[in-house]
Amino acid sequence: MKRAGILNRHLAGALAELGHGDRVLVCDAGMPIPDGPRVVDLSFRAGVPSFAEVLDGLLAELVVEGATAASEVRGANPEAAALLDGCFPGLELVPHAALKERAAGARLVVRTGEARPYANVLLTCGVFF
C-alpha cells in the first residue's frame, strides 16, 4: 500500500497517464459530466470531500501550466474564487457555458462532493522539466 499521496487507485492511475497539455476537470457535485473523459467520482456526501481538499491533493501530484474557471464564481462562491485566485495567479475566467464546452475535451474528470456553486476548474497539465 502507498504510504503517502493519493491513495484512490482509480485517481492515482488516471493521473499517471496524463501528459503535457492534457486537461483535467475538477468539479463540484452539480457540474454536468461530459461524455468521453475518464471519470473518477470521489463524492461521498454533500461537501465530502470538499473542492479545496481535492484540489490541494491534485496540485501536490500534478504540474499545472494553466487553469480556467467560470466567471460566475466571483459573485456566487467567493470562497472558491479566493482559493482559485490563490492557487492560479493567471486564472482564466470564462462564462460557465464556455467552461462546460471546454470540459468536453478533458481527458479526466474528478468529481468532488462540493455542494456550492461554481466550484469547478479546468486544469491544463504541464511538464516537470
N, C-alpha and C. Protein backbone atom coordinates (compact mmCIF):
# COMPACT_ATOMS: atom_id res chain seq x y z
N MET A 1 0.84 -1.18 0.00
CA MET A 1 0.00 0.00 0.00
C MET A 1 0.88 1.24 0.00
N LYS A 2 0.42 2.26 -0.74
CA LYS A 2 1.16 3.53 -0.76
C LYS A 2 1.22 4.13 0.64
N ARG A 3 2.30 4.77 0.93
CA ARG A 3 2.48 5.40 2.22
C ARG A 3 1.91 6.81 2.24
N ALA A 4 1.96 7.51 1.12
CA ALA A 4 1.53 8.90 1.07
C ALA A 4 0.98 9.21 -0.31
N GLY A 5 0.53 10.44 -0.46
CA GLY A 5 -0.01 10.86 -1.74
C GLY A 5 -1.44 10.37 -1.92
N ILE A 6 -1.88 10.31 -3.15
CA ILE A 6 -3.26 9.91 -3.44
C ILE A 6 -3.39 8.40 -3.34
N LEU A 7 -4.32 7.95 -2.51
CA LEU A 7 -4.50 6.52 -2.27
C LEU A 7 -5.56 5.91 -3.17
N ASN A 8 -6.50 6.70 -3.66
CA ASN A 8 -7.55 6.17 -4.53
C ASN A 8 -6.90 5.60 -5.78
N ARG A 9 -7.03 4.29 -5.99
CA ARG A 9 -6.30 3.65 -7.08
C ARG A 9 -6.75 4.13 -8.45
N HIS A 10 -8.02 4.47 -8.59
CA HIS A 10 -8.51 4.95 -9.88
C HIS A 10 -7.92 6.32 -10.20
N LEU A 11 -7.87 7.18 -9.20
CA LEU A 11 -7.33 8.52 -9.42
C LEU A 11 -5.82 8.47 -9.62
N ALA A 12 -5.11 7.70 -8.81
CA ALA A 12 -3.66 7.60 -8.94
C ALA A 12 -3.28 7.08 -10.33
N GLY A 13 -4.00 6.09 -10.82
CA GLY A 13 -3.72 5.54 -12.14
C GLY A 13 -4.02 6.54 -13.25
N ALA A 14 -5.13 7.24 -13.13
CA ALA A 14 -5.51 8.23 -14.14
C ALA A 14 -4.50 9.37 -14.19
N LEU A 15 -4.02 9.82 -13.06
CA LEU A 15 -3.02 10.90 -13.02
C LEU A 15 -1.71 10.46 -13.66
N ALA A 16 -1.33 9.21 -13.45
CA ALA A 16 -0.08 8.70 -14.01
C ALA A 16 -0.12 8.65 -15.53
N GLU A 17 -1.32 8.59 -16.11
CA GLU A 17 -1.46 8.50 -17.57
C GLU A 17 -1.50 9.87 -18.25
N LEU A 18 -1.58 10.95 -17.49
CA LEU A 18 -1.68 12.28 -18.08
C LEU A 18 -0.36 12.75 -18.67
N GLY A 19 -0.46 13.55 -19.72
CA GLY A 19 0.72 14.12 -20.35
C GLY A 19 0.57 15.60 -20.55
N HIS A 20 1.61 16.21 -21.08
CA HIS A 20 1.63 17.64 -21.31
C HIS A 20 0.45 18.07 -22.19
N GLY A 21 -0.29 19.06 -21.73
CA GLY A 21 -1.42 19.59 -22.48
C GLY A 21 -2.74 18.91 -22.19
N ASP A 22 -2.72 17.77 -21.52
CA ASP A 22 -3.98 17.12 -21.16
C ASP A 22 -4.73 17.99 -20.16
N ARG A 23 -6.05 17.92 -20.22
CA ARG A 23 -6.87 18.73 -19.32
C ARG A 23 -7.61 17.85 -18.32
N VAL A 24 -7.72 18.39 -17.11
CA VAL A 24 -8.40 17.72 -16.00
C VAL A 24 -9.47 18.67 -15.47
N LEU A 25 -10.71 18.21 -15.45
CA LEU A 25 -11.79 18.99 -14.85
C LEU A 25 -11.99 18.54 -13.41
N VAL A 26 -11.82 19.47 -12.48
CA VAL A 26 -12.11 19.21 -11.07
C VAL A 26 -13.42 19.93 -10.81
N CYS A 27 -14.46 19.18 -10.43
CA CYS A 27 -15.78 19.79 -10.40
C CYS A 27 -16.57 19.47 -9.14
N ASP A 28 -17.57 20.33 -8.90
CA ASP A 28 -18.48 20.12 -7.79
C ASP A 28 -19.49 19.03 -8.16
N ALA A 29 -20.31 18.65 -7.20
CA ALA A 29 -21.26 17.56 -7.41
C ALA A 29 -22.36 17.91 -8.41
N GLY A 30 -22.54 19.19 -8.70
CA GLY A 30 -23.61 19.59 -9.61
C GLY A 30 -23.19 19.82 -11.05
N MET A 31 -21.90 19.78 -11.34
CA MET A 31 -21.42 20.04 -12.70
C MET A 31 -21.82 18.88 -13.62
N PRO A 32 -22.40 19.18 -14.78
CA PRO A 32 -22.70 18.09 -15.72
C PRO A 32 -21.40 17.42 -16.18
N ILE A 33 -21.37 16.12 -16.17
CA ILE A 33 -20.19 15.37 -16.56
C ILE A 33 -20.27 15.09 -18.07
N PRO A 34 -19.29 15.55 -18.83
CA PRO A 34 -19.33 15.31 -20.27
C PRO A 34 -19.11 13.84 -20.61
N ASP A 35 -19.66 13.40 -21.72
CA ASP A 35 -19.40 12.05 -22.21
C ASP A 35 -17.99 12.00 -22.76
N GLY A 36 -17.31 10.92 -22.54
CA GLY A 36 -16.00 10.75 -23.14
C GLY A 36 -14.85 10.62 -22.17
N PRO A 37 -14.59 11.65 -21.32
CA PRO A 37 -13.40 11.54 -20.47
C PRO A 37 -13.57 10.47 -19.39
N ARG A 38 -12.43 10.02 -18.90
CA ARG A 38 -12.42 9.12 -17.74
C ARG A 38 -12.93 9.92 -16.54
N VAL A 39 -13.77 9.31 -15.72
CA VAL A 39 -14.35 9.99 -14.57
C VAL A 39 -13.95 9.25 -13.29
N VAL A 40 -13.42 10.01 -12.34
CA VAL A 40 -13.17 9.48 -11.00
C VAL A 40 -14.06 10.27 -10.07
N ASP A 41 -15.09 9.62 -9.56
CA ASP A 41 -16.07 10.27 -8.70
C ASP A 41 -15.69 10.02 -7.25
N LEU A 42 -15.24 11.07 -6.58
CA LEU A 42 -14.81 10.97 -5.18
C LEU A 42 -15.92 11.35 -4.21
N SER A 43 -17.05 11.81 -4.73
CA SER A 43 -18.10 12.33 -3.86
C SER A 43 -18.62 11.22 -2.93
N PHE A 44 -18.77 11.59 -1.69
CA PHE A 44 -19.26 10.66 -0.66
C PHE A 44 -20.61 11.12 -0.13
N ARG A 45 -20.67 12.40 0.18
CA ARG A 45 -21.92 13.05 0.57
C ARG A 45 -21.72 14.54 0.35
N ALA A 46 -22.78 15.32 0.51
CA ALA A 46 -22.68 16.76 0.25
C ALA A 46 -21.52 17.37 1.05
N GLY A 47 -20.57 17.94 0.32
CA GLY A 47 -19.43 18.60 0.95
C GLY A 47 -18.24 17.72 1.22
N VAL A 48 -18.35 16.43 0.99
CA VAL A 48 -17.26 15.49 1.32
C VAL A 48 -16.90 14.67 0.09
N PRO A 49 -15.66 14.71 -0.37
CA PRO A 49 -14.63 15.65 0.03
C PRO A 49 -14.88 17.02 -0.60
N SER A 50 -14.33 18.02 0.02
CA SER A 50 -14.54 19.39 -0.46
C SER A 50 -13.71 19.64 -1.71
N PHE A 51 -14.10 20.65 -2.44
CA PHE A 51 -13.35 21.10 -3.63
C PHE A 51 -11.93 21.46 -3.22
N ALA A 52 -11.78 22.18 -2.11
CA ALA A 52 -10.45 22.61 -1.65
C ALA A 52 -9.56 21.42 -1.33
N GLU A 53 -10.10 20.41 -0.66
CA GLU A 53 -9.31 19.23 -0.30
C GLU A 53 -8.83 18.48 -1.54
N VAL A 54 -9.73 18.30 -2.49
CA VAL A 54 -9.37 17.56 -3.70
C VAL A 54 -8.36 18.36 -4.52
N LEU A 55 -8.60 19.65 -4.67
CA LEU A 55 -7.67 20.48 -5.43
C LEU A 55 -6.29 20.46 -4.79
N ASP A 56 -6.22 20.57 -3.48
CA ASP A 56 -4.95 20.53 -2.77
C ASP A 56 -4.20 19.22 -3.05
N GLY A 57 -4.91 18.11 -2.99
CA GLY A 57 -4.29 16.82 -3.26
C GLY A 57 -3.80 16.69 -4.69
N LEU A 58 -4.61 17.18 -5.63
CA LEU A 58 -4.22 17.10 -7.04
C LEU A 58 -3.01 17.98 -7.33
N LEU A 59 -2.97 19.17 -6.75
CA LEU A 59 -1.85 20.07 -7.02
C LEU A 59 -0.55 19.56 -6.42
N ALA A 60 -0.63 18.68 -5.43
CA ALA A 60 0.57 18.05 -4.89
C ALA A 60 1.12 17.00 -5.85
N GLU A 61 0.29 16.53 -6.77
CA GLU A 61 0.67 15.46 -7.69
C GLU A 61 0.92 15.92 -9.12
N LEU A 62 0.34 17.05 -9.52
CA LEU A 62 0.37 17.49 -10.92
C LEU A 62 1.20 18.75 -11.12
N VAL A 63 1.76 18.87 -12.31
CA VAL A 63 2.33 20.13 -12.77
C VAL A 63 1.24 20.77 -13.60
N VAL A 64 0.84 21.99 -13.24
CA VAL A 64 -0.25 22.67 -13.93
C VAL A 64 0.31 23.93 -14.60
N GLU A 65 0.04 24.06 -15.91
CA GLU A 65 0.51 25.25 -16.61
C GLU A 65 -0.60 26.24 -16.91
N GLY A 66 -1.83 25.87 -16.62
CA GLY A 66 -2.93 26.80 -16.84
C GLY A 66 -4.19 26.31 -16.16
N ALA A 67 -5.08 27.26 -15.84
CA ALA A 67 -6.33 26.92 -15.18
C ALA A 67 -7.43 27.86 -15.67
N THR A 68 -8.62 27.28 -15.85
CA THR A 68 -9.78 28.03 -16.31
C THR A 68 -10.96 27.73 -15.40
N ALA A 69 -11.69 28.79 -15.03
CA ALA A 69 -12.88 28.64 -14.18
C ALA A 69 -14.00 29.51 -14.74
N ALA A 70 -15.18 29.31 -14.20
CA ALA A 70 -16.34 30.11 -14.61
C ALA A 70 -16.28 31.49 -13.97
N SER A 71 -16.53 32.51 -14.77
CA SER A 71 -16.50 33.88 -14.25
C SER A 71 -17.56 34.08 -13.16
N GLU A 72 -18.61 33.30 -13.18
CA GLU A 72 -19.67 33.42 -12.19
C GLU A 72 -19.23 33.07 -10.77
N VAL A 73 -18.08 32.40 -10.64
CA VAL A 73 -17.59 32.01 -9.32
C VAL A 73 -17.36 33.24 -8.44
N ARG A 74 -16.96 34.34 -9.02
CA ARG A 74 -16.65 35.55 -8.23
C ARG A 74 -17.86 36.01 -7.41
N GLY A 75 -19.03 36.05 -8.01
CA GLY A 75 -20.21 36.51 -7.30
C GLY A 75 -20.94 35.44 -6.51
N ALA A 76 -20.92 34.21 -7.01
CA ALA A 76 -21.72 33.14 -6.41
C ALA A 76 -20.99 32.34 -5.34
N ASN A 77 -19.66 32.32 -5.39
CA ASN A 77 -18.91 31.49 -4.44
C ASN A 77 -17.55 32.15 -4.16
N PRO A 78 -17.56 33.24 -3.37
CA PRO A 78 -16.32 33.98 -3.10
C PRO A 78 -15.21 33.12 -2.49
N GLU A 79 -15.58 32.12 -1.69
CA GLU A 79 -14.57 31.25 -1.08
C GLU A 79 -13.82 30.45 -2.15
N ALA A 80 -14.55 29.88 -3.10
CA ALA A 80 -13.90 29.14 -4.19
C ALA A 80 -13.09 30.10 -5.07
N ALA A 81 -13.62 31.30 -5.30
CA ALA A 81 -12.90 32.29 -6.11
C ALA A 81 -11.56 32.63 -5.45
N ALA A 82 -11.56 32.85 -4.14
CA ALA A 82 -10.32 33.17 -3.43
C ALA A 82 -9.33 32.00 -3.50
N LEU A 83 -9.83 30.79 -3.34
CA LEU A 83 -8.98 29.60 -3.44
C LEU A 83 -8.33 29.52 -4.81
N LEU A 84 -9.14 29.68 -5.86
CA LEU A 84 -8.62 29.60 -7.23
C LEU A 84 -7.62 30.72 -7.51
N ASP A 85 -7.93 31.93 -7.07
CA ASP A 85 -7.00 33.05 -7.27
C ASP A 85 -5.68 32.79 -6.56
N GLY A 86 -5.73 32.20 -5.37
CA GLY A 86 -4.51 31.90 -4.62
C GLY A 86 -3.67 30.80 -5.26
N CYS A 87 -4.33 29.84 -5.87
CA CYS A 87 -3.61 28.72 -6.50
C CYS A 87 -3.10 29.05 -7.89
N PHE A 88 -3.85 29.91 -8.60
CA PHE A 88 -3.56 30.16 -10.01
C PHE A 88 -3.56 31.65 -10.30
N PRO A 89 -2.41 32.32 -10.15
CA PRO A 89 -2.35 33.77 -10.40
C PRO A 89 -2.80 34.16 -11.81
N GLY A 90 -2.62 33.29 -12.78
CA GLY A 90 -3.03 33.58 -14.16
C GLY A 90 -4.35 32.96 -14.52
N LEU A 91 -5.22 32.76 -13.55
CA LEU A 91 -6.51 32.09 -13.77
C LEU A 91 -7.29 32.76 -14.89
N GLU A 92 -7.73 31.96 -15.86
CA GLU A 92 -8.58 32.45 -16.94
C GLU A 92 -10.04 32.26 -16.52
N LEU A 93 -10.83 33.30 -16.67
CA LEU A 93 -12.26 33.22 -16.35
C LEU A 93 -13.07 33.32 -17.63
N VAL A 94 -14.01 32.38 -17.78
CA VAL A 94 -14.89 32.35 -18.94
C VAL A 94 -16.32 32.12 -18.43
N PRO A 95 -17.34 32.44 -19.22
CA PRO A 95 -18.71 32.12 -18.79
C PRO A 95 -18.86 30.62 -18.53
N HIS A 96 -19.74 30.29 -17.59
CA HIS A 96 -19.94 28.89 -17.20
C HIS A 96 -20.27 28.00 -18.40
N ALA A 97 -21.07 28.52 -19.33
CA ALA A 97 -21.42 27.74 -20.53
C ALA A 97 -20.17 27.40 -21.34
N ALA A 98 -19.24 28.33 -21.42
CA ALA A 98 -17.99 28.09 -22.15
C ALA A 98 -17.11 27.08 -21.42
N LEU A 99 -17.11 27.13 -20.08
CA LEU A 99 -16.35 26.15 -19.31
C LEU A 99 -16.89 24.75 -19.57
N LYS A 100 -18.21 24.61 -19.60
CA LYS A 100 -18.81 23.30 -19.88
C LYS A 100 -18.42 22.81 -21.27
N GLU A 101 -18.37 23.69 -22.24
CA GLU A 101 -17.96 23.31 -23.59
C GLU A 101 -16.51 22.84 -23.61
N ARG A 102 -15.64 23.57 -22.95
CA ARG A 102 -14.22 23.20 -22.89
C ARG A 102 -14.02 21.89 -22.13
N ALA A 103 -14.85 21.66 -21.12
CA ALA A 103 -14.73 20.45 -20.31
C ALA A 103 -14.95 19.18 -21.13
N ALA A 104 -15.67 19.31 -22.23
CA ALA A 104 -15.91 18.15 -23.09
C ALA A 104 -14.60 17.61 -23.65
N GLY A 105 -13.56 18.44 -23.72
CA GLY A 105 -12.26 18.00 -24.22
C GLY A 105 -11.31 17.52 -23.14
N ALA A 106 -11.79 17.43 -21.91
CA ALA A 106 -10.93 16.97 -20.81
C ALA A 106 -10.60 15.49 -20.97
N ARG A 107 -9.45 15.12 -20.52
CA ARG A 107 -9.07 13.70 -20.52
C ARG A 107 -9.55 13.01 -19.24
N LEU A 108 -9.67 13.81 -18.17
CA LEU A 108 -10.06 13.26 -16.87
C LEU A 108 -11.00 14.23 -16.17
N VAL A 109 -12.02 13.68 -15.52
CA VAL A 109 -12.93 14.47 -14.69
C VAL A 109 -12.83 13.91 -13.27
N VAL A 110 -12.57 14.79 -12.31
CA VAL A 110 -12.53 14.40 -10.89
C VAL A 110 -13.68 15.12 -10.21
N ARG A 111 -14.68 14.36 -9.79
CA ARG A 111 -15.88 14.92 -9.17
C ARG A 111 -15.72 14.90 -7.66
N THR A 112 -15.91 16.06 -7.05
CA THR A 112 -15.82 16.19 -5.60
C THR A 112 -17.23 16.14 -5.01
N GLY A 113 -17.32 16.19 -3.72
CA GLY A 113 -18.62 16.24 -3.06
C GLY A 113 -19.08 17.66 -2.79
N GLU A 114 -18.34 18.63 -3.33
CA GLU A 114 -18.66 20.04 -3.09
C GLU A 114 -20.09 20.34 -3.47
N ALA A 115 -20.79 21.06 -2.59
CA ALA A 115 -22.20 21.36 -2.81
C ALA A 115 -22.46 22.86 -2.87
N ARG A 116 -21.46 23.63 -3.29
CA ARG A 116 -21.62 25.07 -3.50
C ARG A 116 -21.37 25.36 -4.98
N PRO A 117 -22.05 26.36 -5.53
CA PRO A 117 -21.98 26.58 -6.98
C PRO A 117 -20.62 27.04 -7.49
N TYR A 118 -20.34 26.64 -8.72
CA TYR A 118 -19.17 27.10 -9.49
C TYR A 118 -17.84 26.71 -8.86
N ALA A 119 -17.80 25.68 -8.05
CA ALA A 119 -16.54 25.17 -7.51
C ALA A 119 -15.99 24.17 -8.53
N ASN A 120 -15.54 24.72 -9.66
CA ASN A 120 -15.05 23.92 -10.78
C ASN A 120 -13.82 24.60 -11.36
N VAL A 121 -12.89 23.80 -11.84
CA VAL A 121 -11.73 24.36 -12.52
C VAL A 121 -11.23 23.34 -13.55
N LEU A 122 -10.84 23.85 -14.70
CA LEU A 122 -10.27 23.02 -15.75
C LEU A 122 -8.77 23.29 -15.76
N LEU A 123 -8.00 22.25 -15.43
CA LEU A 123 -6.55 22.37 -15.34
C LEU A 123 -5.89 21.88 -16.63
N THR A 124 -4.85 22.56 -17.05
CA THR A 124 -4.05 22.11 -18.18
C THR A 124 -2.70 21.64 -17.63
N CYS A 125 -2.36 20.39 -17.92
CA CYS A 125 -1.14 19.81 -17.38
C CYS A 125 0.10 20.36 -18.06
N GLY A 126 1.11 20.55 -17.26
CA GLY A 126 2.41 20.98 -17.76
C GLY A 126 3.39 19.82 -17.66
N VAL A 127 4.68 20.14 -17.71
CA VAL A 127 5.73 19.14 -17.55
C VAL A 127 6.66 19.57 -16.43
N PHE A 128 7.31 18.62 -15.81
CA PHE A 128 8.16 18.94 -14.66
C PHE A 128 9.59 19.32 -15.03
N PHE A 129 9.91 19.33 -16.31
CA PHE A 129 11.28 19.71 -16.72
C PHE A 129 11.25 20.86 -17.67
